[in-house]
Amino acid sequence: MTVVDFELPAALEAREPVEAHGVRRDGVRLMVSRASAVSHHRFTELPRLLAPGDLLVVNNSATLPSAIDASGVRVHVSTEQPDGTWLVELRDGSAHPGLRLEVPGGSLTLVRPFTGRLWVAMADVGASRADYLNRHGWPIRYSYTDQDWPLSIYQNAYATEPGSAEMPSAGRPLTGRVLAELAGRGVLVAPVTLHTGVASAEVDEPPYPEWFRVPASTARVIAHVRAAGNRVIAVGTTVVRALESAAAGPASGWTELVIEPDHRLRSVDGLLTGLHEPRASHLKMLTAVAGEQALRAAYAEALRERYRWHEFGDVHLLLP
C-alpha cells in the first residue's frame, strides 16, 4: 500500500482553537464516512448519529505542561521510562551524549539517541515528571499555531489521569453538553488511559512505546456491547492502540504496537479522530479501520469542503 499523501493548504491548518472566535469547542464540523459515502455535520449532531447501546471509548489521560527551558534551549519532555529516565526532544541547538542542560531546579543530561529526534536523558530535578512539569513547564506549542494557549485549552472534559505530553485531541469537542446528550440517548462512554509522548509524528515517523491501561470495567462493557450487536467507537488513535494492545496481551504496560493497514482490528468498529497530516503514521491506522479507497475518498472530500486540520480543527467519524 502506498502511504496516503496529499497537499495540505496552509489555509486549512487550524492555528487557534474555535473558542478564540467565540465558538464553543463542540462547534467544530464533523465529517462522517461509511465506506466511500461521506456526509457533513456539526459535532453537536454526534449523539444523533450513533445508536442506543453504542459505546464510545475515550482516553482519560490529562495533558502535562511538557515544554521547559533548558540552558536557553526549548525542550519537550515526552515520556518517563520505567528506569526513571526521560525521553526529551531538543527543539533548538545540537545534541550529543553527555550534554548537560541546566533546567529550573536541576539538570538534564543526554545519554543516547532514542529515535531520530528523541533522546534518553537523566533527569536530576528532585521530583516526579508530573510534579516537576506542573511547577516549571508550559504546554507544547505547535509550529503552525500563532500564539501560546493556557493548559486548559489542551485538556479534554473527562481528563483525569495526568501523563500525556500532547493532548489526545480527538475528544476535544466532547463537551459536557454533548456527553450529557449521549447519555440521554443511551450511548455509553468508558475510559482507557494511554499517555501520549511527543505525538505529533512527522512524515513517515512511526509511533514509539507508550504506557497504557485498559480497566477491567471497560473490558467488560466492551464485551457486553459486542455481545448485544452494538458498535465500539474509539475516540482517537490512542484508544485504538490501547485496546488493540490489550486484545493481544496484558491490559496495561508499555505498548510498542504499530497498527499497519493490513492489521485486523479486534476491538473497535469505528473511530472518531482528527484530520491527520500527509503521510502521517496515523493514516496507516485509519486505513486499517476504513480501507485505503474509503480513506482517500474521505480526505479528498475534506479538502474540497475545506475542513480544518490539526488538534484545534474539525473531526472525522469513520463508521463501518
C-alpha atoms as a PDB file:
ATOM      1  CA  MET A   1       0.000   0.000   0.000  1.00  0.00           C
ATOM      2  CA  THR A   2       1.205   3.495  -0.781  1.00  0.00           C
ATOM      3  CA  VAL A   3       1.025   5.914   2.113  1.00  0.00           C
ATOM      4  CA  VAL A   4      -1.893   8.343   1.810  1.00  0.00           C
ATOM      5  CA  ASP A   5      -0.328  11.548   0.531  1.00  0.00           C
ATOM      6  CA  PHE A   6      -1.837  14.890  -0.414  1.00  0.00           C
ATOM      7  CA  GLU A   7      -1.056  18.585  -0.341  1.00  0.00           C
ATOM      8  CA  LEU A   8      -2.439  20.382   2.702  1.00  0.00           C
ATOM      9  CA  PRO A   9      -3.038  24.082   2.020  1.00  0.00           C
ATOM     10  CA  ALA A  10      -1.760  26.308   4.810  1.00  0.00           C
ATOM     11  CA  ALA A  11      -5.180  27.977   4.948  1.00  0.00           C
ATOM     12  CA  LEU A  12      -6.705  24.714   6.228  1.00  0.00           C
ATOM     13  CA  GLU A  13      -4.392  24.470   9.243  1.00  0.00           C
ATOM     14  CA  ALA A  14      -6.297  25.363  12.415  1.00  0.00           C
ATOM     15  CA  ARG A  15      -3.909  27.821  14.040  1.00  0.00           C
ATOM     16  CA  GLU A  16      -6.100  28.577  17.058  1.00  0.00           C
ATOM     17  CA  PRO A  17      -8.991  26.953  18.935  1.00  0.00           C
ATOM     18  CA  VAL A  18     -12.520  27.790  17.875  1.00  0.00           C
ATOM     19  CA  GLU A  19     -13.040  29.399  21.291  1.00  0.00           C
ATOM     20  CA  ALA A  20     -10.842  32.258  20.057  1.00  0.00           C
ATOM     21  CA  HIS A  21     -13.701  33.152  17.692  1.00  0.00           C
ATOM     22  CA  GLY A  22     -16.432  32.919  20.296  1.00  0.00           C
ATOM     23  CA  VAL A  23     -17.450  29.391  19.259  1.00  0.00           C
ATOM     24  CA  ARG A  24     -17.881  26.521  21.733  1.00  0.00           C
ATOM     25  CA  ARG A  25     -15.492  23.583  21.472  1.00  0.00           C
ATOM     26  CA  ASP A  26     -18.292  21.407  20.141  1.00  0.00           C
ATOM     27  CA  GLY A  27     -18.967  23.894  17.348  1.00  0.00           C
ATOM     28  CA  VAL A  28     -16.439  22.269  15.008  1.00  0.00           C
ATOM     29  CA  ARG A  29     -17.501  20.369  11.901  1.00  0.00           C
ATOM     30  CA  LEU A  30     -17.899  16.605  11.760  1.00  0.00           C
ATOM     31  CA  MET A  31     -17.333  14.565   8.610  1.00  0.00           C
ATOM     32  CA  VAL A  32     -18.821  11.060   8.661  1.00  0.00           C
ATOM     33  CA  SER A  33     -17.641   8.369   6.264  1.00  0.00           C
ATOM     34  CA  ARG A  34     -19.206   4.958   5.776  1.00  0.00           C
ATOM     35  CA  ALA A  35     -17.128   3.110   3.179  1.00  0.00           C
ATOM     36  CA  SER A  36     -16.864   5.662   0.342  1.00  0.00           C
ATOM     37  CA  ALA A  37     -20.036   7.561   1.307  1.00  0.00           C
ATOM     38  CA  VAL A  38     -19.330  10.868   3.077  1.00  0.00           C
ATOM     39  CA  SER A  39     -21.730  13.214   4.858  1.00  0.00           C
ATOM     40  CA  HIS A  40     -21.191  16.546   6.604  1.00  0.00           C
ATOM     41  CA  HIS A  41     -22.442  17.618  10.031  1.00  0.00           C
ATOM     42  CA  ARG A  42     -21.759  19.741  13.096  1.00  0.00           C
ATOM     43  CA  PHE A  43     -20.137  17.947  16.015  1.00  0.00           C
ATOM     44  CA  THR A  44     -23.206  18.584  18.172  1.00  0.00           C
ATOM     45  CA  GLU A  45     -25.065  16.121  15.923  1.00  0.00           C
ATOM     46  CA  LEU A  46     -22.875  13.230  17.107  1.00  0.00           C
ATOM     47  CA  PRO A  47     -25.395  11.818  19.636  1.00  0.00           C
ATOM     48  CA  ARG A  48     -27.993  11.527  16.853  1.00  0.00           C
ATOM     49  CA  LEU A  49     -25.532   9.793  14.519  1.00  0.00           C
ATOM     50  CA  LEU A  50     -24.915   6.958  16.973  1.00  0.00           C
ATOM     51  CA  ALA A  51     -27.371   4.330  18.187  1.00  0.00           C
ATOM     52  CA  PRO A  52     -28.534   3.472  21.714  1.00  0.00           C
ATOM     53  CA  GLY A  53     -26.198   0.807  23.042  1.00  0.00           C
ATOM     54  CA  ASP A  54     -23.189   2.004  21.046  1.00  0.00           C
ATOM     55  CA  LEU A  55     -20.038   2.633  23.100  1.00  0.00           C
ATOM     56  CA  LEU A  56     -17.563   5.494  22.890  1.00  0.00           C
ATOM     57  CA  VAL A  57     -14.195   4.613  24.426  1.00  0.00           C
ATOM     58  CA  VAL A  58     -12.254   7.729  25.487  1.00  0.00           C
ATOM     59  CA  ASN A  59      -8.661   8.298  26.595  1.00  0.00           C
ATOM     60  CA  ASN A  60      -8.781   9.903  30.045  1.00  0.00           C
ATOM     61  CA  SER A  61      -5.093  10.891  30.038  1.00  0.00           C
ATOM     62  CA  ALA A  62      -4.624  14.537  31.018  1.00  0.00           C
ATOM     63  CA  THR A  63      -2.060  16.759  29.321  1.00  0.00           C
ATOM     64  CA  LEU A  64       1.011  17.959  31.208  1.00  0.00           C
ATOM     65  CA  PRO A  65       2.741  21.309  30.530  1.00  0.00           C
ATOM     66  CA  SER A  66       5.621  19.455  28.870  1.00  0.00           C
ATOM     67  CA  ALA A  67       7.775  22.260  27.403  1.00  0.00           C
ATOM     68  CA  ILE A  68      10.633  23.591  29.546  1.00  0.00           C
ATOM     69  CA  ASP A  69      13.613  25.885  29.162  1.00  0.00           C
ATOM     70  CA  ALA A  70      16.966  24.096  29.391  1.00  0.00           C
ATOM     71  CA  SER A  71      20.094  26.263  29.151  1.00  0.00           C
ATOM     72  CA  GLY A  72      18.164  28.580  26.858  1.00  0.00           C
ATOM     73  CA  VAL A  73      17.043  25.707  24.643  1.00  0.00           C
ATOM     74  CA  ARG A  74      13.380  24.742  24.347  1.00  0.00           C
ATOM     75  CA  VAL A  75      12.955  21.102  25.352  1.00  0.00           C
ATOM     76  CA  HIS A  76       9.843  18.936  25.080  1.00  0.00           C
ATOM     77  CA  VAL A  77       9.619  16.243  27.757  1.00  0.00           C
ATOM     78  CA  SER A  78       7.951  13.279  26.107  1.00  0.00           C
ATOM     79  CA  THR A  79       7.820  10.262  28.418  1.00  0.00           C
ATOM     80  CA  GLU A  80       9.260   8.938  31.652  1.00  0.00           C
ATOM     81  CA  GLN A  81      10.593   5.417  31.118  1.00  0.00           C
ATOM     82  CA  PRO A  82      10.386   2.555  33.651  1.00  0.00           C
ATOM     83  CA  ASP A  83      14.017   3.153  34.714  1.00  0.00           C
ATOM     84  CA  GLY A  84      13.272   6.797  35.569  1.00  0.00           C
ATOM     85  CA  THR A  85      14.981   8.335  32.541  1.00  0.00           C
ATOM     86  CA  TRP A  86      13.095  10.818  30.418  1.00  0.00           C
ATOM     87  CA  LEU A  87      12.664  10.920  26.664  1.00  0.00           C
ATOM     88  CA  VAL A  88      13.216  14.503  25.538  1.00  0.00           C
ATOM     89  CA  GLU A  89      13.202  16.419  22.289  1.00  0.00           C
ATOM     90  CA  LEU A  90      15.505  19.407  21.780  1.00  0.00           C
ATOM     91  CA  ARG A  91      13.759  21.928  19.581  1.00  0.00           C
ATOM     92  CA  ASP A  92      16.842  24.122  19.151  1.00  0.00           C
ATOM     93  CA  GLY A  93      20.576  23.585  19.082  1.00  0.00           C
ATOM     94  CA  SER A  94      22.646  20.429  18.661  1.00  0.00           C
ATOM     95  CA  ALA A  95      22.568  17.334  20.847  1.00  0.00           C
ATOM     96  CA  HIS A  96      25.235  14.786  21.767  1.00  0.00           C
ATOM     97  CA  PRO A  97      25.762  12.162  24.508  1.00  0.00           C
ATOM     98  CA  GLY A  98      26.877  13.735  27.788  1.00  0.00           C
ATOM     99  CA  LEU A  99      25.379  17.158  27.018  1.00  0.00           C
ATOM    100  CA  ARG A 100      24.239  18.663  30.333  1.00  0.00           C
ATOM    101  CA  LEU A 101      21.374  21.121  30.228  1.00  0.00           C
ATOM    102  CA  GLU A 102      20.551  23.376  33.179  1.00  0.00           C
ATOM    103  CA  VAL A 103      16.828  23.465  33.952  1.00  0.00           C
ATOM    104  CA  PRO A 104      14.945  25.236  36.757  1.00  0.00           C
ATOM    105  CA  GLY A 105      15.755  23.347  39.938  1.00  0.00           C
ATOM    106  CA  GLY A 106      18.142  20.815  38.385  1.00  0.00           C
ATOM    107  CA  SER A 107      19.600  19.446  35.171  1.00  0.00           C
ATOM    108  CA  LEU A 108      19.099  17.065  32.264  1.00  0.00           C
ATOM    109  CA  THR A 109      21.992  15.015  30.880  1.00  0.00           C
ATOM    110  CA  LEU A 110      21.612  13.405  27.461  1.00  0.00           C
ATOM    111  CA  VAL A 111      22.571   9.725  27.425  1.00  0.00           C
ATOM    112  CA  ARG A 112      21.889   8.391  23.924  1.00  0.00           C
ATOM    113  CA  PRO A 113      19.553   8.862  20.957  1.00  0.00           C
ATOM    114  CA  PHE A 114      16.217   7.043  21.182  1.00  0.00           C
ATOM    115  CA  THR A 115      14.664   7.922  17.812  1.00  0.00           C
ATOM    116  CA  GLY A 116      15.597  10.374  15.115  1.00  0.00           C
ATOM    117  CA  ARG A 117      14.573  13.288  17.324  1.00  0.00           C
ATOM    118  CA  LEU A 118      14.151  11.935  20.858  1.00  0.00           C
ATOM    119  CA  TRP A 119      16.967  11.465  23.391  1.00  0.00           C
ATOM    120  CA  VAL A 120      17.190   9.436  26.572  1.00  0.00           C
ATOM    121  CA  ALA A 121      18.089  11.844  29.388  1.00  0.00           C
ATOM    122  CA  MET A 122      18.968  11.507  33.060  1.00  0.00           C
ATOM    123  CA  ALA A 123      16.751  13.929  34.976  1.00  0.00           C
ATOM    124  CA  ASP A 124      18.197  15.365  38.189  1.00  0.00           C
ATOM    125  CA  VAL A 125      15.266  17.507  39.273  1.00  0.00           C
ATOM    126  CA  GLY A 126      14.259  16.149  42.685  1.00  0.00           C
ATOM    127  CA  ALA A 127      10.646  15.483  41.683  1.00  0.00           C
ATOM    128  CA  SER A 128       8.490  13.231  39.561  1.00  0.00           C
ATOM    129  CA  ARG A 129       7.997  14.188  35.939  1.00  0.00           C
ATOM    130  CA  ALA A 130       4.407  15.259  36.533  1.00  0.00           C
ATOM    131  CA  ASP A 131       5.204  17.334  39.643  1.00  0.00           C
ATOM    132  CA  TYR A 132       8.200  18.941  38.006  1.00  0.00           C
ATOM    133  CA  LEU A 133       6.385  19.884  34.805  1.00  0.00           C
ATOM    134  CA  ASN A 134       3.360  21.223  36.665  1.00  0.00           C
ATOM    135  CA  ARG A 135       5.759  23.508  38.537  1.00  0.00           C
ATOM    136  CA  HIS A 136       8.065  24.611  35.710  1.00  0.00           C
ATOM    137  CA  GLY A 137       6.575  23.687  32.331  1.00  0.00           C
ATOM    138  CA  TRP A 138       4.187  25.179  29.828  1.00  0.00           C
ATOM    139  CA  PRO A 139       2.101  23.486  27.112  1.00  0.00           C
ATOM    140  CA  ILE A 140       3.855  22.342  23.962  1.00  0.00           C
ATOM    141  CA  ARG A 141       3.189  24.854  21.215  1.00  0.00           C
ATOM    142  CA  TYR A 142       2.847  23.539  17.701  1.00  0.00           C
ATOM    143  CA  SER A 143       4.706  25.133  14.808  1.00  0.00           C
ATOM    144  CA  TYR A 144       1.535  26.125  12.941  1.00  0.00           C
ATOM    145  CA  THR A 145      -0.027  27.996  15.880  1.00  0.00           C
ATOM    146  CA  ASP A 146       0.348  31.736  16.206  1.00  0.00           C
ATOM    147  CA  GLN A 147       0.464  32.127  19.991  1.00  0.00           C
ATOM    148  CA  ASP A 148       0.617  30.302  23.320  1.00  0.00           C
ATOM    149  CA  TRP A 149      -2.587  28.987  24.902  1.00  0.00           C
ATOM    150  CA  PRO A 150      -3.245  28.011  28.534  1.00  0.00           C
ATOM    151  CA  LEU A 151      -3.117  24.365  29.575  1.00  0.00           C
ATOM    152  CA  SER A 152      -6.914  24.261  29.940  1.00  0.00           C
ATOM    153  CA  ILE A 153      -7.209  24.582  26.156  1.00  0.00           C
ATOM    154  CA  TYR A 154      -5.362  21.260  25.849  1.00  0.00           C
ATOM    155  CA  GLN A 155      -7.474  19.289  28.366  1.00  0.00           C
ATOM    156  CA  ASN A 156     -10.425  17.097  27.499  1.00  0.00           C
ATOM    157  CA  ALA A 157     -13.564  17.352  29.610  1.00  0.00           C
ATOM    158  CA  TYR A 158     -13.024  13.845  31.018  1.00  0.00           C
ATOM    159  CA  ALA A 159      -9.226  14.018  31.521  1.00  0.00           C
ATOM    160  CA  THR A 160      -8.457  12.637  34.985  1.00  0.00           C
ATOM    161  CA  GLU A 161      -5.074  10.853  34.715  1.00  0.00           C
ATOM    162  CA  PRO A 162      -2.116  13.270  34.214  1.00  0.00           C
ATOM    163  CA  GLY A 163       0.614  11.947  31.938  1.00  0.00           C
ATOM    164  CA  SER A 164       0.409  12.991  28.277  1.00  0.00           C
ATOM    165  CA  ALA A 165       2.982  15.254  26.674  1.00  0.00           C
ATOM    166  CA  GLU A 166       0.496  16.263  23.997  1.00  0.00           C
ATOM    167  CA  MET A 167      -3.278  16.339  24.078  1.00  0.00           C
ATOM    168  CA  PRO A 168      -5.217  13.246  22.974  1.00  0.00           C
ATOM    169  CA  SER A 169      -7.134  15.711  20.837  1.00  0.00           C
ATOM    170  CA  ALA A 170      -9.846  13.632  19.145  1.00  0.00           C
ATOM    171  CA  GLY A 171     -12.048  14.078  22.214  1.00  0.00           C
ATOM    172  CA  ARG A 172     -11.554  17.814  22.474  1.00  0.00           C
ATOM    173  CA  PRO A 173     -15.069  18.658  21.171  1.00  0.00           C
ATOM    174  CA  LEU A 174     -16.732  16.208  23.607  1.00  0.00           C
ATOM    175  CA  THR A 175     -18.112  18.882  25.899  1.00  0.00           C
ATOM    176  CA  GLY A 176     -20.298  18.303  28.917  1.00  0.00           C
ATOM    177  CA  ARG A 177     -23.451  19.041  26.954  1.00  0.00           C
ATOM    178  CA  VAL A 178     -22.551  16.557  24.195  1.00  0.00           C
ATOM    179  CA  LEU A 179     -21.681  13.898  26.770  1.00  0.00           C
ATOM    180  CA  ALA A 180     -24.990  14.552  28.540  1.00  0.00           C
ATOM    181  CA  GLU A 181     -26.965  14.136  25.321  1.00  0.00           C
ATOM    182  CA  LEU A 182     -25.052  10.948  24.506  1.00  0.00           C
ATOM    183  CA  ALA A 183     -26.050   9.557  27.909  1.00  0.00           C
ATOM    184  CA  GLY A 184     -29.629  10.664  27.426  1.00  0.00           C
ATOM    185  CA  ARG A 185     -29.812   8.813  24.117  1.00  0.00           C
ATOM    186  CA  GLY A 186     -28.378   5.617  25.553  1.00  0.00           C
ATOM    187  CA  VAL A 187     -24.879   5.876  24.112  1.00  0.00           C
ATOM    188  CA  LEU A 188     -22.320   4.507  26.568  1.00  0.00           C
ATOM    189  CA  VAL A 189     -18.919   6.013  27.435  1.00  0.00           C
ATOM    190  CA  ALA A 190     -15.997   4.134  29.027  1.00  0.00           C
ATOM    191  CA  PRO A 191     -12.346   5.115  29.624  1.00  0.00           C
ATOM    192  CA  VAL A 192      -8.912   3.766  28.876  1.00  0.00           C
ATOM    193  CA  THR A 193      -5.615   5.501  29.632  1.00  0.00           C
ATOM    194  CA  LEU A 194      -2.758   5.965  27.190  1.00  0.00           C
ATOM    195  CA  HIS A 195      -0.161   8.619  27.985  1.00  0.00           C
ATOM    196  CA  THR A 196       0.975  10.116  24.711  1.00  0.00           C
ATOM    197  CA  GLY A 197       4.554  11.132  24.157  1.00  0.00           C
ATOM    198  CA  VAL A 198       5.562  13.869  21.748  1.00  0.00           C
ATOM    199  CA  ALA A 199       2.893  12.523  19.449  1.00  0.00           C
ATOM    200  CA  SER A 200       2.902  14.959  16.521  1.00  0.00           C
ATOM    201  CA  ALA A 201       4.593  12.359  14.345  1.00  0.00           C
ATOM    202  CA  GLU A 202       6.402  13.765  11.366  1.00  0.00           C
ATOM    203  CA  VAL A 203       6.275  12.347   7.832  1.00  0.00           C
ATOM    204  CA  ASP A 204       6.726   8.550   7.822  1.00  0.00           C
ATOM    205  CA  GLU A 205       7.683   8.568  11.545  1.00  0.00           C
ATOM    206  CA  PRO A 206       6.308   5.535  13.408  1.00  0.00           C
ATOM    207  CA  PRO A 207       4.916   5.782  16.960  1.00  0.00           C
ATOM    208  CA  TYR A 208       7.143   4.637  19.821  1.00  0.00           C
ATOM    209  CA  PRO A 209       6.343   2.868  23.114  1.00  0.00           C
ATOM    210  CA  GLU A 210       3.693   4.494  25.304  1.00  0.00           C
ATOM    211  CA  TRP A 211       2.165   3.467  28.633  1.00  0.00           C
ATOM    212  CA  PHE A 212      -1.465   2.328  28.625  1.00  0.00           C
ATOM    213  CA  ARG A 213      -4.122   0.724  30.794  1.00  0.00           C
ATOM    214  CA  VAL A 214      -7.490  -0.809  29.872  1.00  0.00           C
ATOM    215  CA  PRO A 215      -9.548  -1.134  33.076  1.00  0.00           C
ATOM    216  CA  ALA A 216     -11.347  -4.427  33.664  1.00  0.00           C
ATOM    217  CA  SER A 217     -14.625  -2.495  33.873  1.00  0.00           C
ATOM    218  CA  THR A 218     -14.084  -1.109  30.368  1.00  0.00           C
ATOM    219  CA  ALA A 219     -13.208  -4.550  29.021  1.00  0.00           C
ATOM    220  CA  ARG A 220     -16.471  -5.890  30.463  1.00  0.00           C
ATOM    221  CA  VAL A 221     -18.512  -3.083  28.898  1.00  0.00           C
ATOM    222  CA  ILE A 222     -16.884  -3.716  25.513  1.00  0.00           C
ATOM    223  CA  ALA A 223     -17.721  -7.425  25.734  1.00  0.00           C
ATOM    224  CA  HIS A 224     -21.331  -6.596  26.659  1.00  0.00           C
ATOM    225  CA  VAL A 225     -21.728  -4.125  23.783  1.00  0.00           C
ATOM    226  CA  ARG A 226     -20.231  -6.572  21.307  1.00  0.00           C
ATOM    227  CA  ALA A 227     -22.478  -9.409  22.519  1.00  0.00           C
ATOM    228  CA  ALA A 228     -25.531  -7.169  22.050  1.00  0.00           C
ATOM    229  CA  GLY A 229     -24.549  -6.420  18.446  1.00  0.00           C
ATOM    230  CA  ASN A 230     -23.750  -2.758  19.024  1.00  0.00           C
ATOM    231  CA  ARG A 231     -20.668  -0.801  17.945  1.00  0.00           C
ATOM    232  CA  VAL A 232     -17.492   0.129  19.794  1.00  0.00           C
ATOM    233  CA  ILE A 233     -16.221   3.529  18.637  1.00  0.00           C
ATOM    234  CA  ALA A 234     -12.707   4.616  19.658  1.00  0.00           C
ATOM    235  CA  VAL A 235     -12.253   8.319  20.355  1.00  0.00           C
ATOM    236  CA  GLY A 236      -8.774   8.831  18.938  1.00  0.00           C
ATOM    237  CA  THR A 237      -5.975   6.699  17.574  1.00  0.00           C
ATOM    238  CA  THR A 238      -4.536   6.415  21.094  1.00  0.00           C
ATOM    239  CA  VAL A 239      -7.627   4.467  22.154  1.00  0.00           C
ATOM    240  CA  VAL A 240      -7.272   2.094  19.215  1.00  0.00           C
ATOM    241  CA  ARG A 241      -3.642   1.473  20.156  1.00  0.00           C
ATOM    242  CA  ALA A 242      -4.550   0.767  23.780  1.00  0.00           C
ATOM    243  CA  LEU A 243      -7.474  -1.535  23.013  1.00  0.00           C
ATOM    244  CA  GLU A 244      -5.652  -3.491  20.319  1.00  0.00           C
ATOM    245  CA  SER A 245      -2.643  -3.874  22.628  1.00  0.00           C
ATOM    246  CA  ALA A 246      -4.864  -5.264  25.389  1.00  0.00           C
ATOM    247  CA  ALA A 247      -6.564  -7.615  22.913  1.00  0.00           C
ATOM    248  CA  ALA A 248      -3.178  -9.119  22.087  1.00  0.00           C
ATOM    249  CA  GLY A 249      -1.626  -9.178  25.572  1.00  0.00           C
ATOM    250  CA  PRO A 250      -1.692  -7.627  29.065  1.00  0.00           C
ATOM    251  CA  ALA A 251      -4.301  -4.998  29.912  1.00  0.00           C
ATOM    252  CA  SER A 252      -1.639  -2.498  30.965  1.00  0.00           C
ATOM    253  CA  GLY A 253       2.017  -1.724  30.417  1.00  0.00           C
ATOM    254  CA  TRP A 254       4.151  -0.353  27.620  1.00  0.00           C
ATOM    255  CA  THR A 255       2.848  -0.893  24.109  1.00  0.00           C
ATOM    256  CA  GLU A 256       5.034  -0.958  21.022  1.00  0.00           C
ATOM    257  CA  LEU A 257       2.117  -1.891  18.755  1.00  0.00           C
ATOM    258  CA  VAL A 258       2.131  -0.180  15.362  1.00  0.00           C
ATOM    259  CA  ILE A 259      -1.139  -0.696  13.512  1.00  0.00           C
ATOM    260  CA  GLU A 260      -0.450  -1.158   9.810  1.00  0.00           C
ATOM    261  CA  PRO A 261      -3.075  -1.131   7.028  1.00  0.00           C
ATOM    262  CA  ASP A 262      -3.315  -4.942   6.973  1.00  0.00           C
ATOM    263  CA  HIS A 263      -3.944  -5.146  10.741  1.00  0.00           C
ATOM    264  CA  ARG A 264      -7.216  -6.907  11.531  1.00  0.00           C
ATOM    265  CA  LEU A 265      -8.925  -4.893  14.242  1.00  0.00           C
ATOM    266  CA  ARG A 266     -10.328  -6.981  17.084  1.00  0.00           C
ATOM    267  CA  SER A 267     -11.609  -4.355  19.496  1.00  0.00           C
ATOM    268  CA  VAL A 268     -13.205  -1.445  17.596  1.00  0.00           C
ATOM    269  CA  ASP A 269     -15.800  -0.966  14.899  1.00  0.00           C
ATOM    270  CA  GLY A 270     -15.302   2.727  14.235  1.00  0.00           C
ATOM    271  CA  LEU A 271     -13.080   5.689  15.013  1.00  0.00           C
ATOM    272  CA  LEU A 272     -13.618   9.341  15.881  1.00  0.00           C
ATOM    273  CA  THR A 273     -10.440  11.242  15.083  1.00  0.00           C
ATOM    274  CA  GLY A 274      -8.989  14.488  13.807  1.00  0.00           C
ATOM    275  CA  LEU A 275      -7.657  15.090  10.328  1.00  0.00           C
ATOM    276  CA  HIS A 276      -4.051  13.946  10.020  1.00  0.00           C
ATOM    277  CA  GLU A 277      -1.106  15.370   8.122  1.00  0.00           C
ATOM    278  CA  PRO A 278       0.020  13.961   4.754  1.00  0.00           C
ATOM    279  CA  ARG A 279       1.865  10.633   5.125  1.00  0.00           C
ATOM    280  CA  ALA A 280       1.463  10.632   8.927  1.00  0.00           C
ATOM    281  CA  SER A 281       1.717   7.182  10.509  1.00  0.00           C
ATOM    282  CA  HIS A 282      -1.801   7.669  11.910  1.00  0.00           C
ATOM    283  CA  LEU A 283      -3.141   7.334   8.368  1.00  0.00           C
ATOM    284  CA  LYS A 284      -1.971   3.721   8.309  1.00  0.00           C
ATOM    285  CA  MET A 285      -4.210   3.006  11.290  1.00  0.00           C
ATOM    286  CA  LEU A 286      -7.117   4.804   9.629  1.00  0.00           C
ATOM    287  CA  THR A 287      -6.586   2.603   6.586  1.00  0.00           C
ATOM    288  CA  ALA A 288      -6.923  -0.463   8.823  1.00  0.00           C
ATOM    289  CA  VAL A 289     -10.267   0.929  10.045  1.00  0.00           C
ATOM    290  CA  ALA A 290     -11.771   2.161   6.786  1.00  0.00           C
ATOM    291  CA  GLY A 291      -9.748   0.779   3.887  1.00  0.00           C
ATOM    292  CA  GLU A 292      -7.491   2.753   1.579  1.00  0.00           C
ATOM    293  CA  GLN A 293     -10.090   3.630  -1.050  1.00  0.00           C
ATOM    294  CA  ALA A 294     -12.581   4.926   1.506  1.00  0.00           C
ATOM    295  CA  LEU A 295      -9.903   6.924   3.333  1.00  0.00           C
ATOM    296  CA  ARG A 296      -8.699   8.555   0.129  1.00  0.00           C
ATOM    297  CA  ALA A 297     -12.281   9.469  -0.758  1.00  0.00           C
ATOM    298  CA  ALA A 298     -12.879  10.993   2.677  1.00  0.00           C
ATOM    299  CA  TYR A 299      -9.698  13.078   2.616  1.00  0.00           C
ATOM    300  CA  ALA A 300     -10.425  14.321  -0.892  1.00  0.00           C
ATOM    301  CA  GLU A 301     -13.848  15.412   0.348  1.00  0.00           C
ATOM    302  CA  ALA A 302     -12.359  17.092   3.436  1.00  0.00           C
ATOM    303  CA  LEU A 303     -10.000  19.091   1.234  1.00  0.00           C
ATOM    304  CA  ARG A 304     -12.793  20.001  -1.190  1.00  0.00           C
ATOM    305  CA  GLU A 305     -15.089  21.119   1.641  1.00  0.00           C
ATOM    306  CA  ARG A 306     -12.252  22.996   3.357  1.00  0.00           C
ATOM    307  CA  TYR A 307     -12.253  21.214   6.689  1.00  0.00           C
ATOM    308  CA  ARG A 308      -9.686  22.396   9.237  1.00  0.00           C
ATOM    309  CA  TRP A 309      -6.726  20.209  10.242  1.00  0.00           C
ATOM    310  CA  HIS A 310      -4.815  19.526  13.480  1.00  0.00           C
ATOM    311  CA  GLU A 311      -5.903  19.318  17.114  1.00  0.00           C
ATOM    312  CA  PHE A 312      -7.882  22.589  17.014  1.00  0.00           C
ATOM    313  CA  GLY A 313      -9.591  21.571  13.804  1.00  0.00           C
ATOM    314  CA  ASP A 314     -12.572  19.528  12.657  1.00  0.00           C
ATOM    315  CA  VAL A 315     -13.322  15.867  13.325  1.00  0.00           C
ATOM    316  CA  HIS A 316     -13.803  12.723  11.253  1.00  0.00           C
ATOM    317  CA  LEU A 317     -16.046   9.802  12.248  1.00  0.00           C
ATOM    318  CA  LEU A 318     -15.256   6.553  10.413  1.00  0.00           C
ATOM    319  CA  LEU A 319     -18.059   4.011  10.656  1.00  0.00           C
ATOM    320  CA  PRO A 320     -18.464   0.511   9.199  1.00  0.00           C
END
